[in-house]
Amino acid sequence: MNQRDLLWLTGKALLIWLLLSCLTGYVGEWLLTGLFPVIKAIIIMLAPEFLPSIELIKSTQSQWDTSLQLSAWVVRPVYLNTSHFIPIGTDLQSTVHLLHILVPLVIEVTVLCVWPVQHWLQRLLLLTWGLVSAACVIVLTLPTHLLANLEISFQDIALSGENPRAVPWCVDWMVFCEMGGRWLLALAAAWLCIHVQKSLLPSRNPT
């Protein structure tokens, strides 16, 4: 690949990135709402002491300022240390910005849009698998992110007394995702989609 081709590919990737980032502001709510049942089921599985409900909170000032809010009703006492528990009936809340949630989707679809293919069926297969795998990445990261936001909010209280609880694993997972792990998962998903496409619809060598 020469320098001209590299510049063209880079410019194309940046343009697609920009278009997808704008597009998620319009359709991101619809995409995420479809995942609500799965996200709630995973939260219940990971944290049975909470009864979760999820909703999108729209800003009155800007359509780009939409957030996902988790309201977790405590149904079992949550141990912090020997002196502190979170009692039953407490309503805890955690919020994540919508565009932040959809970063893996934008990264993965951008890669799949610029990946060279020979015909439109290969591109269609790439994008179809890309949407499915991007949803899987969101499911792997979003529930733990929401839970970790809750856990961090009262971890300082836990450390202030005797026999504090261990730091929940979801906090470490969130830190990994925020330090670039979410990008790595999106790129790994794109790589998997490319290999699936090559297996199902391989390119033909020119004769």
N, C-alpha and C. Protein backbone atom coordinates (compact mmCIF):
# COMPACT_ATOMS: atom_id res chain seq x y z
N MET A 1 0.85 -1.19 0.00
CA MET A 1 0.00 0.00 0.00
C MET A 1 0.88 1.24 0.00
N ASN A 2 0.68 2.11 -0.98
CA ASN A 2 1.50 3.31 -1.06
C ASN A 2 0.92 4.41 -0.17
N GLN A 3 1.65 5.54 -0.11
CA GLN A 3 1.25 6.62 0.78
C GLN A 3 -0.11 7.21 0.40
N ARG A 4 -0.36 7.30 -0.90
CA ARG A 4 -1.64 7.86 -1.35
C ARG A 4 -2.81 6.99 -0.91
N ASP A 5 -2.67 5.67 -1.07
CA ASP A 5 -3.72 4.75 -0.64
C ASP A 5 -3.93 4.82 0.87
N LEU A 6 -2.82 4.95 1.61
CA LEU A 6 -2.93 5.03 3.06
C LEU A 6 -3.67 6.29 3.49
N LEU A 7 -3.36 7.42 2.85
CA LEU A 7 -4.05 8.67 3.16
C LEU A 7 -5.54 8.58 2.83
N TRP A 8 -5.85 7.96 1.69
CA TRP A 8 -7.25 7.79 1.29
C TRP A 8 -8.00 6.93 2.30
N LEU A 9 -7.37 5.83 2.73
CA LEU A 9 -8.00 4.93 3.69
C LEU A 9 -8.21 5.62 5.03
N THR A 10 -7.22 6.41 5.46
CA THR A 10 -7.34 7.13 6.72
C THR A 10 -8.45 8.17 6.66
N GLY A 11 -8.49 8.92 5.55
CA GLY A 11 -9.56 9.91 5.40
C GLY A 11 -10.93 9.28 5.36
N LYS A 12 -11.04 8.14 4.68
CA LYS A 12 -12.31 7.43 4.61
C LYS A 12 -12.74 6.95 5.99
N ALA A 13 -11.79 6.43 6.77
CA ALA A 13 -12.11 5.95 8.12
C ALA A 13 -12.58 7.10 9.01
N LEU A 14 -11.92 8.25 8.91
CA LEU A 14 -12.31 9.40 9.73
C LEU A 14 -13.70 9.90 9.35
N LEU A 15 -14.00 9.91 8.05
CA LEU A 15 -15.31 10.36 7.60
C LEU A 15 -16.40 9.41 8.10
N ILE A 16 -16.16 8.11 7.97
CA ILE A 16 -17.15 7.13 8.44
C ILE A 16 -17.31 7.23 9.95
N TRP A 17 -16.20 7.42 10.66
CA TRP A 17 -16.26 7.59 12.12
C TRP A 17 -17.17 8.77 12.49
N LEU A 18 -16.99 9.89 11.77
CA LEU A 18 -17.78 11.08 12.05
C LEU A 18 -19.26 10.84 11.75
N LEU A 19 -19.54 10.21 10.61
CA LEU A 19 -20.93 9.94 10.23
C LEU A 19 -21.60 9.00 11.22
N LEU A 20 -20.89 7.94 11.62
CA LEU A 20 -21.45 6.99 12.57
C LEU A 20 -21.67 7.63 13.94
N SER A 21 -20.76 8.50 14.35
CA SER A 21 -20.91 9.18 15.63
C SER A 21 -22.16 10.05 15.64
N CYS A 22 -22.41 10.73 14.50
CA CYS A 22 -23.63 11.54 14.39
C CYS A 22 -24.86 10.66 14.31
N LEU A 23 -24.77 9.55 13.60
CA LEU A 23 -25.91 8.66 13.44
C LEU A 23 -26.35 8.04 14.75
N THR A 24 -25.39 7.72 15.61
CA THR A 24 -25.75 7.11 16.90
C THR A 24 -26.55 8.08 17.77
N GLY A 25 -26.39 9.38 17.52
CA GLY A 25 -27.19 10.34 18.26
C GLY A 25 -28.67 10.24 17.95
N TYR A 26 -28.99 9.69 16.76
CA TYR A 26 -30.39 9.58 16.34
C TYR A 26 -30.95 8.17 16.57
N VAL A 27 -30.15 7.15 16.28
CA VAL A 27 -30.68 5.77 16.37
C VAL A 27 -30.13 5.01 17.56
N GLY A 28 -29.19 5.62 18.30
CA GLY A 28 -28.59 4.92 19.43
C GLY A 28 -29.60 4.52 20.50
N GLU A 29 -30.58 5.39 20.73
CA GLU A 29 -31.59 5.07 21.74
C GLU A 29 -32.37 3.82 21.35
N TRP A 30 -32.74 3.74 20.08
CA TRP A 30 -33.50 2.58 19.60
C TRP A 30 -32.68 1.30 19.72
N LEU A 31 -31.39 1.36 19.34
CA LEU A 31 -30.53 0.19 19.43
C LEU A 31 -30.37 -0.27 20.87
N LEU A 32 -30.16 0.69 21.77
CA LEU A 32 -29.91 0.33 23.16
C LEU A 32 -31.17 -0.17 23.86
N THR A 33 -32.31 0.42 23.53
CA THR A 33 -33.56 -0.01 24.15
C THR A 33 -33.84 -1.49 23.87
N GLY A 34 -33.46 -1.96 22.69
CA GLY A 34 -33.66 -3.36 22.37
C GLY A 34 -32.84 -4.30 23.24
N LEU A 35 -31.76 -3.79 23.84
CA LEU A 35 -30.91 -4.61 24.70
C LEU A 35 -31.30 -4.54 26.17
N PHE A 36 -32.29 -3.73 26.52
CA PHE A 36 -32.67 -3.56 27.92
C PHE A 36 -32.96 -4.88 28.63
N PRO A 37 -33.78 -5.79 28.05
CA PRO A 37 -34.07 -7.04 28.76
C PRO A 37 -32.82 -7.86 29.07
N VAL A 38 -31.88 -7.90 28.12
CA VAL A 38 -30.65 -8.66 28.33
C VAL A 38 -29.80 -8.00 29.41
N ILE A 39 -29.69 -6.68 29.35
CA ILE A 39 -28.89 -5.95 30.34
C ILE A 39 -29.44 -6.15 31.74
N LYS A 40 -30.76 -6.06 31.89
CA LYS A 40 -31.38 -6.25 33.20
C LYS A 40 -31.16 -7.67 33.71
N ALA A 41 -31.27 -8.66 32.81
CA ALA A 41 -31.07 -10.05 33.22
C ALA A 41 -29.64 -10.28 33.71
N ILE A 42 -28.66 -9.67 33.03
CA ILE A 42 -27.27 -9.82 33.44
C ILE A 42 -27.02 -9.14 34.78
N ILE A 43 -27.60 -7.97 35.00
CA ILE A 43 -27.44 -7.28 36.27
C ILE A 43 -28.01 -8.11 37.41
N ILE A 44 -29.18 -8.71 37.20
CA ILE A 44 -29.78 -9.56 38.23
C ILE A 44 -28.90 -10.78 38.51
N MET A 45 -28.31 -11.35 37.45
CA MET A 45 -27.44 -12.51 37.62
C MET A 45 -26.16 -12.14 38.37
N LEU A 46 -25.59 -10.97 38.06
CA LEU A 46 -24.34 -10.56 38.70
C LEU A 46 -24.56 -10.03 40.11
N ALA A 47 -25.70 -9.37 40.33
CA ALA A 47 -25.97 -8.74 41.63
C ALA A 47 -27.40 -9.05 42.06
N PRO A 48 -27.67 -10.27 42.56
CA PRO A 48 -29.04 -10.64 42.93
C PRO A 48 -29.60 -9.84 44.10
N GLU A 49 -28.74 -9.07 44.77
CA GLU A 49 -29.23 -8.23 45.87
C GLU A 49 -29.93 -6.98 45.37
N PHE A 50 -29.88 -6.74 44.06
CA PHE A 50 -30.53 -5.56 43.48
C PHE A 50 -31.69 -5.98 42.58
N LEU A 51 -32.74 -5.16 42.59
CA LEU A 51 -33.83 -5.27 41.62
C LEU A 51 -33.71 -4.08 40.68
N PRO A 52 -33.22 -4.29 39.45
CA PRO A 52 -32.88 -3.15 38.59
C PRO A 52 -34.04 -2.70 37.72
N SER A 53 -34.02 -1.43 37.40
CA SER A 53 -34.85 -0.87 36.33
C SER A 53 -33.97 0.11 35.56
N ILE A 54 -34.19 0.18 34.23
CA ILE A 54 -33.34 0.97 33.36
C ILE A 54 -34.20 1.90 32.53
N GLU A 55 -33.73 3.12 32.36
CA GLU A 55 -34.44 4.07 31.51
C GLU A 55 -33.46 5.05 30.89
N LEU A 56 -33.86 5.60 29.76
CA LEU A 56 -33.06 6.64 29.11
C LEU A 56 -33.51 8.00 29.60
N ILE A 57 -32.56 8.82 29.99
CA ILE A 57 -32.84 10.16 30.49
C ILE A 57 -32.38 11.16 29.43
N LYS A 58 -33.34 11.88 28.86
CA LYS A 58 -33.03 12.84 27.81
C LYS A 58 -32.86 14.24 28.40
N SER A 59 -31.85 14.93 27.91
CA SER A 59 -31.64 16.31 28.32
C SER A 59 -32.63 17.21 27.61
N THR A 60 -33.09 18.21 28.29
CA THR A 60 -34.00 19.19 27.67
C THR A 60 -33.23 20.22 26.85
N GLN A 61 -31.92 20.24 26.97
CA GLN A 61 -31.11 21.24 26.28
C GLN A 61 -30.50 20.73 24.98
N SER A 62 -30.18 19.42 24.91
CA SER A 62 -29.51 18.89 23.73
C SER A 62 -29.88 17.43 23.53
N GLN A 63 -30.11 17.04 22.28
CA GLN A 63 -30.41 15.65 21.97
C GLN A 63 -29.17 14.77 22.08
N TRP A 64 -27.99 15.41 22.12
CA TRP A 64 -26.75 14.66 22.24
C TRP A 64 -26.42 14.34 23.69
N ASP A 65 -27.23 14.82 24.61
CA ASP A 65 -26.94 14.65 26.04
C ASP A 65 -27.95 13.68 26.66
N THR A 66 -28.02 12.48 26.10
CA THR A 66 -28.90 11.44 26.60
C THR A 66 -28.08 10.45 27.42
N SER A 67 -28.62 10.03 28.57
CA SER A 67 -27.91 9.11 29.44
C SER A 67 -28.78 7.90 29.75
N LEU A 68 -28.12 6.81 30.09
CA LEU A 68 -28.81 5.61 30.56
C LEU A 68 -28.70 5.56 32.07
N GLN A 69 -29.83 5.45 32.74
CA GLN A 69 -29.84 5.44 34.20
C GLN A 69 -30.32 4.10 34.74
N LEU A 70 -29.54 3.55 35.64
CA LEU A 70 -29.92 2.34 36.37
C LEU A 70 -30.42 2.73 37.75
N SER A 71 -31.62 2.28 38.07
CA SER A 71 -32.14 2.41 39.43
C SER A 71 -32.16 1.01 40.04
N ALA A 72 -31.40 0.80 41.09
CA ALA A 72 -31.27 -0.51 41.71
C ALA A 72 -31.90 -0.48 43.10
N TRP A 73 -32.99 -1.23 43.25
CA TRP A 73 -33.69 -1.34 44.52
C TRP A 73 -33.06 -2.47 45.31
N VAL A 74 -32.57 -2.17 46.51
CA VAL A 74 -31.89 -3.17 47.33
C VAL A 74 -32.93 -4.13 47.93
N VAL A 75 -32.82 -5.41 47.60
CA VAL A 75 -33.75 -6.42 48.11
C VAL A 75 -33.10 -7.34 49.14
N ARG A 76 -31.76 -7.25 49.27
CA ARG A 76 -31.03 -7.96 50.31
C ARG A 76 -30.01 -6.99 50.90
N PRO A 77 -29.73 -7.07 52.20
CA PRO A 77 -28.73 -6.17 52.78
C PRO A 77 -27.38 -6.36 52.10
N VAL A 78 -26.72 -5.25 51.79
CA VAL A 78 -25.41 -5.29 51.13
C VAL A 78 -24.33 -5.02 52.17
N TYR A 79 -23.46 -5.99 52.38
CA TYR A 79 -22.40 -5.87 53.39
C TYR A 79 -21.31 -4.92 52.89
N LEU A 80 -20.92 -3.97 53.76
CA LEU A 80 -19.79 -3.09 53.47
C LEU A 80 -18.64 -3.37 54.43
N ASN A 81 -18.91 -3.31 55.72
CA ASN A 81 -17.95 -3.71 56.74
C ASN A 81 -18.76 -4.10 57.99
N THR A 82 -18.07 -4.37 59.07
CA THR A 82 -18.78 -4.87 60.25
C THR A 82 -19.76 -3.86 60.83
N SER A 83 -19.59 -2.60 60.50
CA SER A 83 -20.47 -1.56 61.06
C SER A 83 -21.48 -1.00 60.06
N HIS A 84 -21.30 -1.28 58.78
CA HIS A 84 -22.15 -0.65 57.78
C HIS A 84 -22.72 -1.67 56.80
N PHE A 85 -24.01 -1.54 56.59
CA PHE A 85 -24.73 -2.30 55.58
C PHE A 85 -25.61 -1.33 54.80
N ILE A 86 -25.89 -1.68 53.58
CA ILE A 86 -26.91 -0.94 52.83
C ILE A 86 -28.23 -1.66 53.05
N PRO A 87 -29.20 -1.02 53.69
CA PRO A 87 -30.41 -1.73 54.09
C PRO A 87 -31.36 -2.02 52.92
N ILE A 88 -32.23 -2.97 53.14
CA ILE A 88 -33.27 -3.27 52.17
C ILE A 88 -34.16 -2.05 51.97
N GLY A 89 -34.53 -1.83 50.72
CA GLY A 89 -35.40 -0.70 50.41
C GLY A 89 -34.67 0.54 49.93
N THR A 90 -33.33 0.51 49.97
CA THR A 90 -32.55 1.65 49.48
C THR A 90 -32.60 1.67 47.95
N ASP A 91 -32.76 2.86 47.40
CA ASP A 91 -32.79 3.03 45.94
C ASP A 91 -31.47 3.65 45.51
N LEU A 92 -30.66 2.88 44.78
CA LEU A 92 -29.36 3.35 44.30
C LEU A 92 -29.45 3.65 42.82
N GLN A 93 -28.68 4.64 42.37
CA GLN A 93 -28.74 5.04 40.97
C GLN A 93 -27.34 5.16 40.37
N SER A 94 -27.26 4.79 39.09
CA SER A 94 -26.01 4.86 38.34
C SER A 94 -26.34 5.34 36.94
N THR A 95 -25.47 6.18 36.37
CA THR A 95 -25.74 6.79 35.07
C THR A 95 -24.51 6.70 34.17
N VAL A 96 -24.76 6.39 32.89
CA VAL A 96 -23.70 6.37 31.87
C VAL A 96 -24.22 7.11 30.65
N HIS A 97 -23.37 7.92 30.03
CA HIS A 97 -23.77 8.70 28.86
C HIS A 97 -23.97 7.77 27.67
N LEU A 98 -24.99 8.03 26.87
CA LEU A 98 -25.35 7.18 25.75
C LEU A 98 -24.22 7.04 24.73
N LEU A 99 -23.60 8.16 24.34
CA LEU A 99 -22.55 8.09 23.33
C LEU A 99 -21.34 7.31 23.84
N HIS A 100 -21.10 7.37 25.14
CA HIS A 100 -19.99 6.60 25.73
C HIS A 100 -20.27 5.11 25.61
N ILE A 101 -21.52 4.72 25.79
CA ILE A 101 -21.91 3.32 25.70
C ILE A 101 -21.68 2.77 24.30
N LEU A 102 -21.95 3.60 23.28
CA LEU A 102 -21.94 3.14 21.90
C LEU A 102 -20.59 3.27 21.21
N VAL A 103 -19.55 3.64 21.95
CA VAL A 103 -18.21 3.75 21.36
C VAL A 103 -17.77 2.44 20.70
N PRO A 104 -17.95 1.25 21.32
CA PRO A 104 -17.53 0.02 20.63
C PRO A 104 -18.24 -0.19 19.30
N LEU A 105 -19.51 0.16 19.23
CA LEU A 105 -20.25 0.03 17.98
C LEU A 105 -19.64 0.89 16.89
N VAL A 106 -19.32 2.13 17.21
CA VAL A 106 -18.74 3.06 16.22
C VAL A 106 -17.38 2.55 15.76
N ILE A 107 -16.55 2.10 16.69
CA ILE A 107 -15.22 1.62 16.33
C ILE A 107 -15.31 0.40 15.42
N GLU A 108 -16.12 -0.57 15.82
CA GLU A 108 -16.18 -1.82 15.05
C GLU A 108 -16.76 -1.60 13.66
N VAL A 109 -17.85 -0.86 13.56
CA VAL A 109 -18.47 -0.65 12.25
C VAL A 109 -17.57 0.19 11.35
N THR A 110 -16.81 1.12 11.92
CA THR A 110 -15.85 1.88 11.11
C THR A 110 -14.81 0.97 10.48
N VAL A 111 -14.26 0.06 11.27
CA VAL A 111 -13.27 -0.89 10.75
C VAL A 111 -13.87 -1.74 9.64
N LEU A 112 -15.09 -2.23 9.86
CA LEU A 112 -15.73 -3.11 8.88
C LEU A 112 -16.14 -2.38 7.61
N CYS A 113 -16.39 -1.08 7.71
CA CYS A 113 -16.76 -0.30 6.52
C CYS A 113 -15.55 -0.01 5.63
N VAL A 114 -14.37 0.10 6.21
CA VAL A 114 -13.19 0.41 5.40
C VAL A 114 -12.41 -0.85 5.01
N TRP A 115 -12.77 -1.99 5.58
CA TRP A 115 -12.05 -3.22 5.23
C TRP A 115 -12.31 -3.56 3.76
N PRO A 116 -11.27 -3.83 2.98
CA PRO A 116 -11.47 -4.07 1.54
C PRO A 116 -12.20 -5.39 1.27
N VAL A 117 -13.19 -5.33 0.40
CA VAL A 117 -13.93 -6.52 -0.03
C VAL A 117 -14.09 -6.46 -1.55
N GLN A 118 -14.50 -7.59 -2.13
CA GLN A 118 -14.63 -7.66 -3.58
C GLN A 118 -16.05 -7.39 -4.06
N HIS A 119 -17.05 -7.70 -3.24
CA HIS A 119 -18.43 -7.45 -3.68
C HIS A 119 -19.31 -7.15 -2.47
N TRP A 120 -20.51 -6.65 -2.76
CA TRP A 120 -21.38 -6.10 -1.72
C TRP A 120 -21.88 -7.16 -0.75
N LEU A 121 -21.96 -8.43 -1.15
CA LEU A 121 -22.40 -9.47 -0.22
C LEU A 121 -21.41 -9.65 0.93
N GLN A 122 -20.13 -9.51 0.61
CA GLN A 122 -19.12 -9.60 1.67
C GLN A 122 -19.28 -8.45 2.66
N ARG A 123 -19.53 -7.25 2.12
CA ARG A 123 -19.73 -6.09 3.01
C ARG A 123 -20.99 -6.26 3.86
N LEU A 124 -22.06 -6.76 3.25
CA LEU A 124 -23.30 -6.97 3.99
C LEU A 124 -23.10 -7.99 5.11
N LEU A 125 -22.37 -9.06 4.81
CA LEU A 125 -22.10 -10.06 5.84
C LEU A 125 -21.26 -9.47 6.97
N LEU A 126 -20.25 -8.68 6.59
CA LEU A 126 -19.41 -8.03 7.61
C LEU A 126 -20.24 -7.15 8.54
N LEU A 127 -21.09 -6.31 7.96
CA LEU A 127 -21.87 -5.37 8.77
C LEU A 127 -22.93 -6.09 9.61
N THR A 128 -23.51 -7.16 9.06
CA THR A 128 -24.50 -7.91 9.83
C THR A 128 -23.87 -8.53 11.07
N TRP A 129 -22.76 -9.23 10.85
CA TRP A 129 -22.05 -9.80 11.99
C TRP A 129 -21.49 -8.70 12.90
N GLY A 130 -21.14 -7.56 12.30
CA GLY A 130 -20.62 -6.46 13.10
C GLY A 130 -21.64 -5.93 14.08
N LEU A 131 -22.89 -5.76 13.65
CA LEU A 131 -23.93 -5.27 14.55
C LEU A 131 -24.19 -6.27 15.67
N VAL A 132 -24.20 -7.56 15.33
CA VAL A 132 -24.45 -8.59 16.35
C VAL A 132 -23.31 -8.62 17.37
N SER A 133 -22.07 -8.62 16.88
CA SER A 133 -20.93 -8.69 17.80
C SER A 133 -20.77 -7.40 18.60
N ALA A 134 -21.12 -6.25 18.00
CA ALA A 134 -21.05 -4.99 18.75
C ALA A 134 -22.07 -5.00 19.89
N ALA A 135 -23.24 -5.56 19.64
CA ALA A 135 -24.23 -5.70 20.71
C ALA A 135 -23.69 -6.59 21.82
N CYS A 136 -22.96 -7.65 21.45
CA CYS A 136 -22.36 -8.53 22.46
C CYS A 136 -21.32 -7.79 23.29
N VAL A 137 -20.52 -6.93 22.64
CA VAL A 137 -19.52 -6.15 23.38
C VAL A 137 -20.20 -5.20 24.36
N ILE A 138 -21.28 -4.56 23.92
CA ILE A 138 -22.02 -3.66 24.81
C ILE A 138 -22.58 -4.43 26.01
N VAL A 139 -23.10 -5.62 25.75
CA VAL A 139 -23.65 -6.44 26.83
C VAL A 139 -22.55 -6.87 27.80
N LEU A 140 -21.33 -7.08 27.29
CA LEU A 140 -20.22 -7.47 28.14
C LEU A 140 -19.70 -6.33 29.00
N THR A 141 -19.93 -5.10 28.57
CA THR A 141 -19.33 -3.96 29.26
C THR A 141 -20.32 -3.10 30.03
N LEU A 142 -21.52 -2.91 29.49
CA LEU A 142 -22.46 -1.96 30.09
C LEU A 142 -22.99 -2.39 31.45
N PRO A 143 -23.49 -3.62 31.63
CA PRO A 143 -24.02 -3.98 32.96
C PRO A 143 -22.98 -3.84 34.08
N THR A 144 -21.75 -4.29 33.80
CA THR A 144 -20.71 -4.18 34.82
C THR A 144 -20.32 -2.73 35.07
N HIS A 145 -20.38 -1.90 34.03
CA HIS A 145 -20.09 -0.47 34.20
C HIS A 145 -21.12 0.17 35.13
N LEU A 146 -22.37 -0.11 34.90
CA LEU A 146 -23.43 0.45 35.76
C LEU A 146 -23.27 -0.03 37.19
N LEU A 147 -23.00 -1.32 37.37
CA LEU A 147 -22.81 -1.85 38.72
C LEU A 147 -21.58 -1.27 39.39
N ALA A 148 -20.50 -1.13 38.61
CA ALA A 148 -19.26 -0.59 39.18
C ALA A 148 -19.45 0.85 39.65
N ASN A 149 -20.24 1.63 38.92
CA ASN A 149 -20.52 2.99 39.37
C ASN A 149 -21.21 3.00 40.72
N LEU A 150 -22.09 2.04 40.93
CA LEU A 150 -22.74 1.91 42.24
C LEU A 150 -21.73 1.53 43.31
N GLU A 151 -20.94 0.51 43.00
CA GLU A 151 -20.01 -0.02 43.99
C GLU A 151 -18.98 1.01 44.41
N ILE A 152 -18.48 1.78 43.44
CA ILE A 152 -17.47 2.79 43.77
C ILE A 152 -18.04 3.85 44.70
N SER A 153 -19.33 4.15 44.53
CA SER A 153 -19.93 5.23 45.32
C SER A 153 -19.93 4.95 46.81
N PHE A 154 -19.93 3.67 47.21
CA PHE A 154 -19.88 3.41 48.65
C PHE A 154 -18.71 2.52 49.06
N GLN A 155 -17.70 2.38 48.20
CA GLN A 155 -16.52 1.61 48.58
C GLN A 155 -15.70 2.33 49.64
N ASP A 156 -15.68 3.67 49.59
CA ASP A 156 -14.95 4.41 50.62
C ASP A 156 -15.54 4.15 52.00
N ILE A 157 -16.85 4.02 52.07
CA ILE A 157 -17.49 3.70 53.35
C ILE A 157 -17.06 2.32 53.82
N ALA A 158 -16.97 1.38 52.89
CA ALA A 158 -16.55 0.03 53.25
C ALA A 158 -15.14 0.03 53.83
N LEU A 159 -14.26 0.83 53.28
CA LEU A 159 -12.87 0.85 53.73
C LEU A 159 -12.68 1.62 55.02
N SER A 160 -13.71 2.32 55.46
CA SER A 160 -13.58 3.13 56.68
C SER A 160 -13.79 2.33 57.96
N GLY A 161 -14.24 1.07 57.85
CA GLY A 161 -14.50 0.27 59.05
C GLY A 161 -13.69 -1.01 59.08
N GLU A 162 -13.97 -1.86 60.05
CA GLU A 162 -13.25 -3.12 60.20
C GLU A 162 -13.83 -4.18 59.26
N ASN A 163 -12.95 -5.07 58.85
CA ASN A 163 -13.31 -6.17 57.95
C ASN A 163 -14.08 -5.67 56.72
N PRO A 164 -13.48 -4.73 55.99
CA PRO A 164 -14.19 -4.24 54.80
C PRO A 164 -14.31 -5.34 53.75
N ARG A 165 -15.33 -5.25 52.96
CA ARG A 165 -15.52 -6.20 51.87
C ARG A 165 -14.41 -6.03 50.84
N ALA A 166 -14.16 -7.05 50.07
CA ALA A 166 -13.19 -6.95 48.98
C ALA A 166 -13.77 -6.06 47.88
N VAL A 167 -12.87 -5.44 47.13
CA VAL A 167 -13.31 -4.61 46.01
C VAL A 167 -14.01 -5.51 44.98
N PRO A 168 -15.26 -5.22 44.62
CA PRO A 168 -15.97 -6.07 43.66
C PRO A 168 -15.23 -6.16 42.33
N TRP A 169 -15.27 -7.34 41.72
CA TRP A 169 -14.54 -7.57 40.48
C TRP A 169 -15.03 -6.67 39.35
N CYS A 170 -16.30 -6.26 39.41
CA CYS A 170 -16.83 -5.42 38.33
C CYS A 170 -16.13 -4.07 38.29
N VAL A 171 -15.59 -3.62 39.43
CA VAL A 171 -14.85 -2.36 39.44
C VAL A 171 -13.56 -2.50 38.64
N ASP A 172 -12.85 -3.62 38.85
CA ASP A 172 -11.61 -3.86 38.09
C ASP A 172 -11.91 -4.00 36.59
N TRP A 173 -13.03 -4.65 36.27
CA TRP A 173 -13.39 -4.82 34.86
C TRP A 173 -13.72 -3.47 34.22
N MET A 174 -14.41 -2.60 34.97
CA MET A 174 -14.72 -1.28 34.45
C MET A 174 -13.45 -0.48 34.22
N VAL A 175 -12.50 -0.56 35.15
CA VAL A 175 -11.24 0.17 34.99
C VAL A 175 -10.52 -0.32 33.74
N PHE A 176 -10.51 -1.63 33.53
CA PHE A 176 -9.89 -2.18 32.31
C PHE A 176 -10.56 -1.63 31.06
N CYS A 177 -11.88 -1.62 31.05
CA CYS A 177 -12.61 -1.11 29.88
C CYS A 177 -12.35 0.36 29.66
N GLU A 178 -12.29 1.14 30.75
CA GLU A 178 -12.08 2.58 30.61
C GLU A 178 -10.64 2.92 30.22
N MET A 179 -9.71 2.00 30.48
CA MET A 179 -8.31 2.23 30.12
C MET A 179 -7.98 1.76 28.70
N GLY A 180 -8.99 1.44 27.93
CA GLY A 180 -8.77 1.02 26.55
C GLY A 180 -9.30 -0.35 26.23
N GLY A 181 -9.77 -1.07 27.25
CA GLY A 181 -10.27 -2.42 27.02
C GLY A 181 -11.50 -2.44 26.13
N ARG A 182 -12.34 -1.41 26.23
CA ARG A 182 -13.53 -1.34 25.38
C ARG A 182 -13.14 -1.23 23.90
N TRP A 183 -12.08 -0.47 23.62
CA TRP A 183 -11.57 -0.36 22.25
C TRP A 183 -11.02 -1.71 21.78
N LEU A 184 -10.27 -2.39 22.65
CA LEU A 184 -9.69 -3.68 22.28
C LEU A 184 -10.77 -4.72 21.99
N LEU A 185 -11.83 -4.71 22.79
CA LEU A 185 -12.93 -5.65 22.56
C LEU A 185 -13.60 -5.38 21.22
N ALA A 186 -13.78 -4.09 20.89
CA ALA A 186 -14.39 -3.75 19.61
C ALA A 186 -13.51 -4.18 18.44
N LEU A 187 -12.20 -3.98 18.56
CA LEU A 187 -11.29 -4.39 17.49
C LEU A 187 -11.23 -5.91 17.37
N ALA A 188 -11.26 -6.60 18.52
CA ALA A 188 -11.26 -8.06 18.48
C ALA A 188 -12.54 -8.59 17.82
N ALA A 189 -13.67 -7.93 18.10
CA ALA A 189 -14.93 -8.32 17.47
C ALA A 189 -14.88 -8.09 15.97
N ALA A 190 -14.28 -6.97 15.54
CA ALA A 190 -14.14 -6.71 14.11
C ALA A 190 -13.26 -7.76 13.44
N TRP A 191 -12.17 -8.13 14.09
CA TRP A 191 -11.28 -9.16 13.57
C TRP A 191 -12.02 -10.49 13.42
N LEU A 192 -12.87 -10.83 14.40
CA LEU A 192 -13.65 -12.06 14.32
C LEU A 192 -14.63 -12.01 13.15
N CYS A 193 -15.28 -10.87 12.96
CA CYS A 193 -16.22 -10.73 11.84
C CYS A 193 -15.52 -10.90 10.50
N ILE A 194 -14.32 -10.35 10.39
CA ILE A 194 -13.56 -10.47 9.14
C ILE A 194 -13.23 -11.94 8.85
N HIS A 195 -12.86 -12.68 9.88
CA HIS A 195 -12.53 -14.09 9.68
C HIS A 195 -13.78 -14.91 9.36
N VAL A 196 -14.91 -14.56 9.95
CA VAL A 196 -16.15 -15.24 9.60
C VAL A 196 -16.50 -14.98 8.14
N GLN A 197 -16.36 -13.72 7.72
CA GLN A 197 -16.66 -13.37 6.32
C GLN A 197 -15.74 -14.12 5.37
N LYS A 198 -14.46 -14.22 5.71
CA LYS A 198 -13.53 -14.92 4.83
C LYS A 198 -13.83 -16.41 4.76
N SER A 199 -14.40 -16.97 5.82
CA SER A 199 -14.74 -18.39 5.82
C SER A 199 -16.01 -18.66 5.02
N LEU A 200 -17.01 -17.76 5.16
CA LEU A 200 -18.28 -17.98 4.50
C LEU A 200 -18.31 -17.46 3.07
N LEU A 201 -17.68 -16.31 2.85
CA LEU A 201 -17.65 -15.72 1.51
C LEU A 201 -16.22 -15.31 1.18
N PRO A 202 -15.38 -16.28 0.87
CA PRO A 202 -13.97 -15.95 0.60
C PRO A 202 -13.82 -15.16 -0.70
N SER A 203 -12.78 -14.35 -0.74
CA SER A 203 -12.48 -13.58 -1.95
C SER A 203 -11.85 -14.50 -3.00
N ARG A 204 -12.11 -14.19 -4.24
CA ARG A 204 -11.54 -14.96 -5.35
C ARG A 204 -10.30 -14.27 -5.88
N ASN A 205 -9.27 -15.04 -6.08
CA ASN A 205 -8.05 -14.49 -6.66
C ASN A 205 -8.28 -14.19 -8.15
N PRO A 206 -7.85 -13.03 -8.60
CA PRO A 206 -8.02 -12.71 -10.02
C PRO A 206 -7.24 -13.67 -10.90
N THR A 207 -7.84 -14.04 -12.00
CA THR A 207 -7.19 -14.98 -12.91
C THR A 207 -6.59 -14.23 -14.10
